[in-house]
PDB file of N, CA and C in Angstrom:
ATOM      1  N   MET A   1     -28.217 163.602  47.194  1.00  0.00           N
ATOM      2  CA  MET A   1     -27.054 163.385  46.347  1.00  0.00           C
ATOM      3  C   MET A   1     -26.101 162.449  47.089  1.00  0.00           C
ATOM      4  N   ASP A   2     -25.775 161.357  46.472  1.00  0.00           N
ATOM      5  CA  ASP A   2     -24.858 160.420  47.106  1.00  0.00           C
ATOM      6  C   ASP A   2     -23.529 160.391  46.357  1.00  0.00           C
ATOM      7  N   ILE A   3     -22.650 159.517  46.757  1.00  0.00           N
ATOM      8  CA  ILE A   3     -21.299 159.441  46.203  1.00  0.00           C
ATOM      9  C   ILE A   3     -21.317 159.109  44.717  1.00  0.00           C
ATOM     10  N   ASN A   4     -22.290 158.314  44.265  1.00  0.00           N
ATOM     11  CA  ASN A   4     -22.339 157.946  42.847  1.00  0.00           C
ATOM     12  C   ASN A   4     -22.688 159.143  41.971  1.00  0.00           C
ATOM     13  N   ASP A   5     -23.513 160.060  42.474  1.00  0.00           N
ATOM     14  CA  ASP A   5     -23.802 161.282  41.730  1.00  0.00           C
ATOM     15  C   ASP A   5     -22.547 162.139  41.591  1.00  0.00           C
ATOM     16  N   LEU A   6     -21.788 162.241  42.673  1.00  0.00           N
ATOM     17  CA  LEU A   6     -20.543 163.014  42.629  1.00  0.00           C
ATOM     18  C   LEU A   6     -19.545 162.381  41.662  1.00  0.00           C
ATOM     19  N   ARG A   7     -19.474 161.072  41.644  1.00  0.00           N
ATOM     20  CA  ARG A   7     -18.572 160.385  40.716  1.00  0.00           C
ATOM     21  C   ARG A   7     -18.988 160.634  39.271  1.00  0.00           C
ATOM     22  N   GLY A   8     -20.286 160.628  39.015  1.00  0.00           N
ATOM     23  CA  GLY A   8     -20.775 160.907  37.659  1.00  0.00           C
ATOM     24  C   GLY A   8     -20.462 162.321  37.219  1.00  0.00           C
ATOM     25  N   ILE A   9     -20.652 163.284  38.123  1.00  0.00           N
ATOM     26  CA  ILE A   9     -20.347 164.682  37.806  1.00  0.00           C
ATOM     27  C   ILE A   9     -18.849 164.851  37.564  1.00  0.00           C
ATOM     28  N   LEU A  10     -18.033 164.244  38.404  1.00  0.00           N
ATOM     29  CA  LEU A  10     -16.577 164.326  38.235  1.00  0.00           C
ATOM     30  C   LEU A  10     -16.143 163.689  36.917  1.00  0.00           C
ATOM     31  N   THR A  11     -16.732 162.575  36.567  1.00  0.00           N
ATOM     32  CA  THR A  11     -16.416 161.927  35.293  1.00  0.00           C
ATOM     33  C   THR A  11     -16.774 162.832  34.121  1.00  0.00           C
ATOM     34  N   ALA A  12     -17.915 163.490  34.190  1.00  0.00           N
ATOM     35  CA  ALA A  12     -18.334 164.401  33.126  1.00  0.00           C
ATOM     36  C   ALA A  12     -17.382 165.591  33.015  1.00  0.00           C
ATOM     37  N   ILE A  13     -16.950 166.140  34.154  1.00  0.00           N
ATOM     38  CA  ILE A  13     -16.017 167.272  34.138  1.00  0.00           C
ATOM     39  C   ILE A  13     -14.678 166.861  33.539  1.00  0.00           C
ATOM     40  N   ILE A  14     -14.174 165.703  33.927  1.00  0.00           N
ATOM     41  CA  ILE A  14     -12.898 165.224  33.382  1.00  0.00           C
ATOM     42  C   ILE A  14     -13.017 164.958  31.887  1.00  0.00           C
ATOM     43  N   PHE A  15     -14.141 164.406  31.444  1.00  0.00           N
ATOM     44  CA  PHE A  15     -14.340 164.153  30.018  1.00  0.00           C
ATOM     45  C   PHE A  15     -14.385 165.467  29.230  1.00  0.00           C
ATOM     46  N   ILE A  16     -15.062 166.475  29.764  1.00  0.00           N
ATOM     47  CA  ILE A  16     -15.123 167.771  29.093  1.00  0.00           C
ATOM     48  C   ILE A  16     -13.732 168.399  29.021  1.00  0.00           C
ATOM     49  N   ALA A  17     -12.949 168.265  30.097  1.00  0.00           N
ATOM     50  CA  ALA A  17     -11.573 168.785  30.082  1.00  0.00           C
ATOM     51  C   ALA A  17     -10.734 168.048  29.044  1.00  0.00           C
ATOM     52  N   PHE A  18     -10.888 166.743  28.946  1.00  0.00           N
ATOM     53  CA  PHE A  18     -10.152 165.956  27.959  1.00  0.00           C
ATOM     54  C   PHE A  18     -10.491 166.416  26.543  1.00  0.00           C
ATOM     55  N   VAL A  19     -11.766 166.589  26.263  1.00  0.00           N
ATOM     56  CA  VAL A  19     -12.182 167.037  24.926  1.00  0.00           C
ATOM     57  C   VAL A  19     -11.647 168.432  24.657  1.00  0.00           C
ATOM     58  N   GLY A  20     -11.646 169.300  25.650  1.00  0.00           N
ATOM     59  CA  GLY A  20     -11.107 170.648  25.475  1.00  0.00           C
ATOM     60  C   GLY A  20      -9.624 170.641  25.148  1.00  0.00           C
ATOM     61  N   ILE A  21      -8.862 169.825  25.847  1.00  0.00           N
ATOM     62  CA  ILE A  21      -7.426 169.719  25.562  1.00  0.00           C
ATOM     63  C   ILE A  21      -7.199 169.117  24.184  1.00  0.00           C
ATOM     64  N   TRP A  22      -8.009 168.143  23.815  1.00  0.00           N
ATOM     65  CA  TRP A  22      -7.881 167.517  22.496  1.00  0.00           C
ATOM     66  C   TRP A  22      -8.153 168.533  21.391  1.00  0.00           C
ATOM     67  N   VAL A  23      -9.192 169.338  21.554  1.00  0.00           N
ATOM     68  CA  VAL A  23      -9.520 170.363  20.547  1.00  0.00           C
ATOM     69  C   VAL A  23      -8.396 171.390  20.479  1.00  0.00           C
ATOM     70  N   TRP A  24      -7.851 171.798  21.618  1.00  0.00           N
ATOM     71  CA  TRP A  24      -6.762 172.763  21.640  1.00  0.00           C
ATOM     72  C   TRP A  24      -5.525 172.213  20.912  1.00  0.00           C
ATOM     73  N   ALA A  25      -5.202 170.950  21.159  1.00  0.00           N
ATOM     74  CA  ALA A  25      -4.009 170.353  20.564  1.00  0.00           C
ATOM     75  C   ALA A  25      -4.141 170.177  19.060  1.00  0.00           C
ATOM     76  N   TRP A  26      -5.338 169.930  18.564  1.00  0.00           N
ATOM     77  CA  TRP A  26      -5.536 169.700  17.142  1.00  0.00           C
ATOM     78  C   TRP A  26      -6.003 170.939  16.388  1.00  0.00           C
ATOM     79  N   SER A  27      -6.043 172.108  17.047  1.00  0.00           N
ATOM     80  CA  SER A  27      -6.492 173.311  16.353  1.00  0.00           C
ATOM     81  C   SER A  27      -5.431 173.760  15.345  1.00  0.00           C
ATOM     82  N   HIS A  28      -5.873 174.408  14.302  1.00  0.00           N
ATOM     83  CA  HIS A  28      -4.960 174.858  13.242  1.00  0.00           C
ATOM     84  C   HIS A  28      -4.031 175.966  13.730  1.00  0.00           C
ATOM     85  N   ARG A  29      -4.425 176.694  14.747  1.00  0.00           N
ATOM     86  CA  ARG A  29      -3.571 177.761  15.272  1.00  0.00           C
ATOM     87  C   ARG A  29      -2.332 177.199  15.961  1.00  0.00           C
ATOM     88  N   ARG A  30      -2.381 175.979  16.457  1.00  0.00           N
ATOM     89  CA  ARG A  30      -1.266 175.376  17.179  1.00  0.00           C
ATOM     90  C   ARG A  30      -0.322 174.599  16.271  1.00  0.00           C
ATOM     91  N   LYS A  31      -0.696 174.369  15.014  1.00  0.00           N
ATOM     92  CA  LYS A  31       0.090 173.525  14.114  1.00  0.00           C
ATOM     93  C   LYS A  31       1.517 174.051  13.951  1.00  0.00           C
ATOM     94  N   GLU A  32       1.665 175.336  13.761  1.00  0.00           N
ATOM     95  CA  GLU A  32       3.003 175.897  13.552  1.00  0.00           C
ATOM     96  C   GLU A  32       3.887 175.697  14.786  1.00  0.00           C
ATOM     97  N   ASP A  33       3.334 175.888  15.966  1.00  0.00           N
ATOM     98  CA  ASP A  33       4.109 175.685  17.195  1.00  0.00           C
ATOM     99  C   ASP A  33       4.519 174.235  17.367  1.00  0.00           C
ATOM    100  N   PHE A  34       3.601 173.322  17.089  1.00  0.00           N
ATOM    101  CA  PHE A  34       3.924 171.907  17.241  1.00  0.00           C
ATOM    102  C   PHE A  34       4.910 171.441  16.175  1.00  0.00           C
ATOM    103  N   ASP A  35       4.842 171.987  14.977  1.00  0.00           N
ATOM    104  CA  ASP A  35       5.823 171.639  13.951  1.00  0.00           C
ATOM    105  C   ASP A  35       7.218 172.115  14.354  1.00  0.00           C
ATOM    106  N   ALA A  36       7.283 173.305  14.934  1.00  0.00           N
ATOM    107  CA  ALA A  36       8.578 173.816  15.402  1.00  0.00           C
ATOM    108  C   ALA A  36       9.116 172.955  16.542  1.00  0.00           C
ATOM    109  N   SER A  37       8.242 172.529  17.435  1.00  0.00           N
ATOM    110  CA  SER A  37       8.669 171.671  18.541  1.00  0.00           C
ATOM    111  C   SER A  37       9.122 170.306  18.040  1.00  0.00           C
ATOM    112  N   ALA A  38       8.480 169.803  17.016  1.00  0.00           N
ATOM    113  CA  ALA A  38       8.858 168.503  16.465  1.00  0.00           C
ATOM    114  C   ALA A  38      10.235 168.552  15.816  1.00  0.00           C
ATOM    115  N   ALA A  39      10.648 169.706  15.332  1.00  0.00           N
ATOM    116  CA  ALA A  39      11.945 169.839  14.664  1.00  0.00           C
ATOM    117  C   ALA A  39      13.087 170.088  15.649  1.00  0.00           C
ATOM    118  N   LEU A  40      12.794 170.330  16.911  1.00  0.00           N
ATOM    119  CA  LEU A  40      13.844 170.642  17.886  1.00  0.00           C
ATOM    120  C   LEU A  40      14.914 169.558  18.020  1.00  0.00           C
ATOM    121  N   PRO A  41      14.583 168.288  18.077  1.00  0.00           N
ATOM    122  CA  PRO A  41      15.656 167.281  18.193  1.00  0.00           C
ATOM    123  C   PRO A  41      16.605 167.315  16.999  1.00  0.00           C
ATOM    124  N   LEU A  42      16.105 167.585  15.837  1.00  0.00           N
ATOM    125  CA  LEU A  42      16.966 167.640  14.656  1.00  0.00           C
ATOM    126  C   LEU A  42      17.864 168.868  14.691  1.00  0.00           C
ATOM    127  N   GLU A  43      17.336 169.986  15.155  1.00  0.00           N
ATOM    128  CA  GLU A  43      18.147 171.193  15.253  1.00  0.00           C
ATOM    129  C   GLU A  43      19.227 171.044  16.314  1.00  0.00           C
ATOM    130  N   GLU A  44      18.924 170.354  17.397  1.00  0.00           N
ATOM    131  CA  GLU A  44      19.908 170.150  18.455  1.00  0.00           C
ATOM    132  C   GLU A  44      21.068 169.309  17.949  1.00  0.00           C
ATOM    133  N   ASP A  45      20.791 168.285  17.168  1.00  0.00           N
ATOM    134  CA  ASP A  45      21.858 167.461  16.618  1.00  0.00           C
ATOM    135  C   ASP A  45      22.757 168.291  15.719  1.00  0.00           C
ATOM    136  N   THR A  46      22.193 169.166  14.922  1.00  0.00           N
ATOM    137  CA  THR A  46      22.978 170.031  14.048  1.00  0.00           C
ATOM    138  C   THR A  46      23.858 170.953  14.881  1.00  0.00           C
ATOM    139  N   TYR A  47      23.325 171.491  15.965  1.00  0.00           N
ATOM    140  CA  TYR A  47      24.077 172.389  16.831  1.00  0.00           C
ATOM    141  C   TYR A  47      25.253 171.664  17.480  1.00  0.00           C
ATOM    142  N   ILE A  48      25.039 170.469  17.946  1.00  0.00           N
ATOM    143  CA  ILE A  48      26.111 169.691  18.585  1.00  0.00           C
ATOM    144  C   ILE A  48      27.196 169.351  17.568  1.00  0.00           C
ATOM    145  N   GLU A  49      26.806 168.940  16.381  1.00  0.00           N
ATOM    146  CA  GLU A  49      27.794 168.609  15.362  1.00  0.00           C
ATOM    147  C   GLU A  49      28.631 169.829  14.971  1.00  0.00           C
ATOM    148  N   SER A  50      28.020 170.995  14.846  1.00  0.00           N
ATOM    149  CA  SER A  50      28.779 172.180  14.461  1.00  0.00           C
ATOM    150  C   SER A  50      29.739 172.597  15.557  1.00  0.00           C
ATOM    151  N   ASN A  51      29.351 172.456  16.814  1.00  0.00           N
ATOM    152  CA  ASN A  51      30.247 172.784  17.921  1.00  0.00           C
ATOM    153  C   ASN A  51      31.401 171.809  18.031  1.00  0.00           C
ATOM    154  N   GLU A  52      31.171 170.542  17.745  1.00  0.00           N
ATOM    155  CA  GLU A  52      32.248 169.564  17.794  1.00  0.00           C
ATOM    156  C   GLU A  52      33.281 169.850  16.717  1.00  0.00           C
ATOM    157  N   ARG A  53      32.819 170.294  15.571  1.00  0.00           N
ATOM    158  CA  ARG A  53      33.754 170.603  14.482  1.00  0.00           C
ATOM    159  C   ARG A  53      34.599 171.825  14.824  1.00  0.00           C
ATOM    160  N   GLU A  54      34.026 172.796  15.528  1.00  0.00           N
ATOM    161  CA  GLU A  54      34.778 173.985  15.905  1.00  0.00           C
ATOM    162  C   GLU A  54      35.849 173.661  16.941  1.00  0.00           C
ATOM    163  N   ASN A  55      35.609 172.692  17.783  1.00  0.00           N
ATOM    164  CA  ASN A  55      36.549 172.351  18.846  1.00  0.00           C
ATOM    165  C   ASN A  55      37.709 171.479  18.367  1.00  0.00           C
ATOM    166  N   ILE A  56      37.611 170.926  17.179  1.00  0.00           N
ATOM    167  CA  ILE A  56      38.661 170.031  16.682  1.00  0.00           C
ATOM    168  C   ILE A  56      39.818 170.807  16.124  1.00  0.00           C
TER     169      ILE A  56
END
C-alpha cells in the first residue's frame, strides 16, 4: 500500500461524508428546523423595531 492508495481511500471517505451531510440537510425531518432558522433574521428585525418604539 503506497501513498496513492491512502489518498484514494481518504477521498472515498470524504465523499461518503459529504453525501451523508447532503442527505441529512435535505431530509424532510429537517425542513421545519431549517424553515425556522431561515425566519430568524426577520423575527430579529421585528424585535428590534418593537423595542425601539418602547424606548421612545
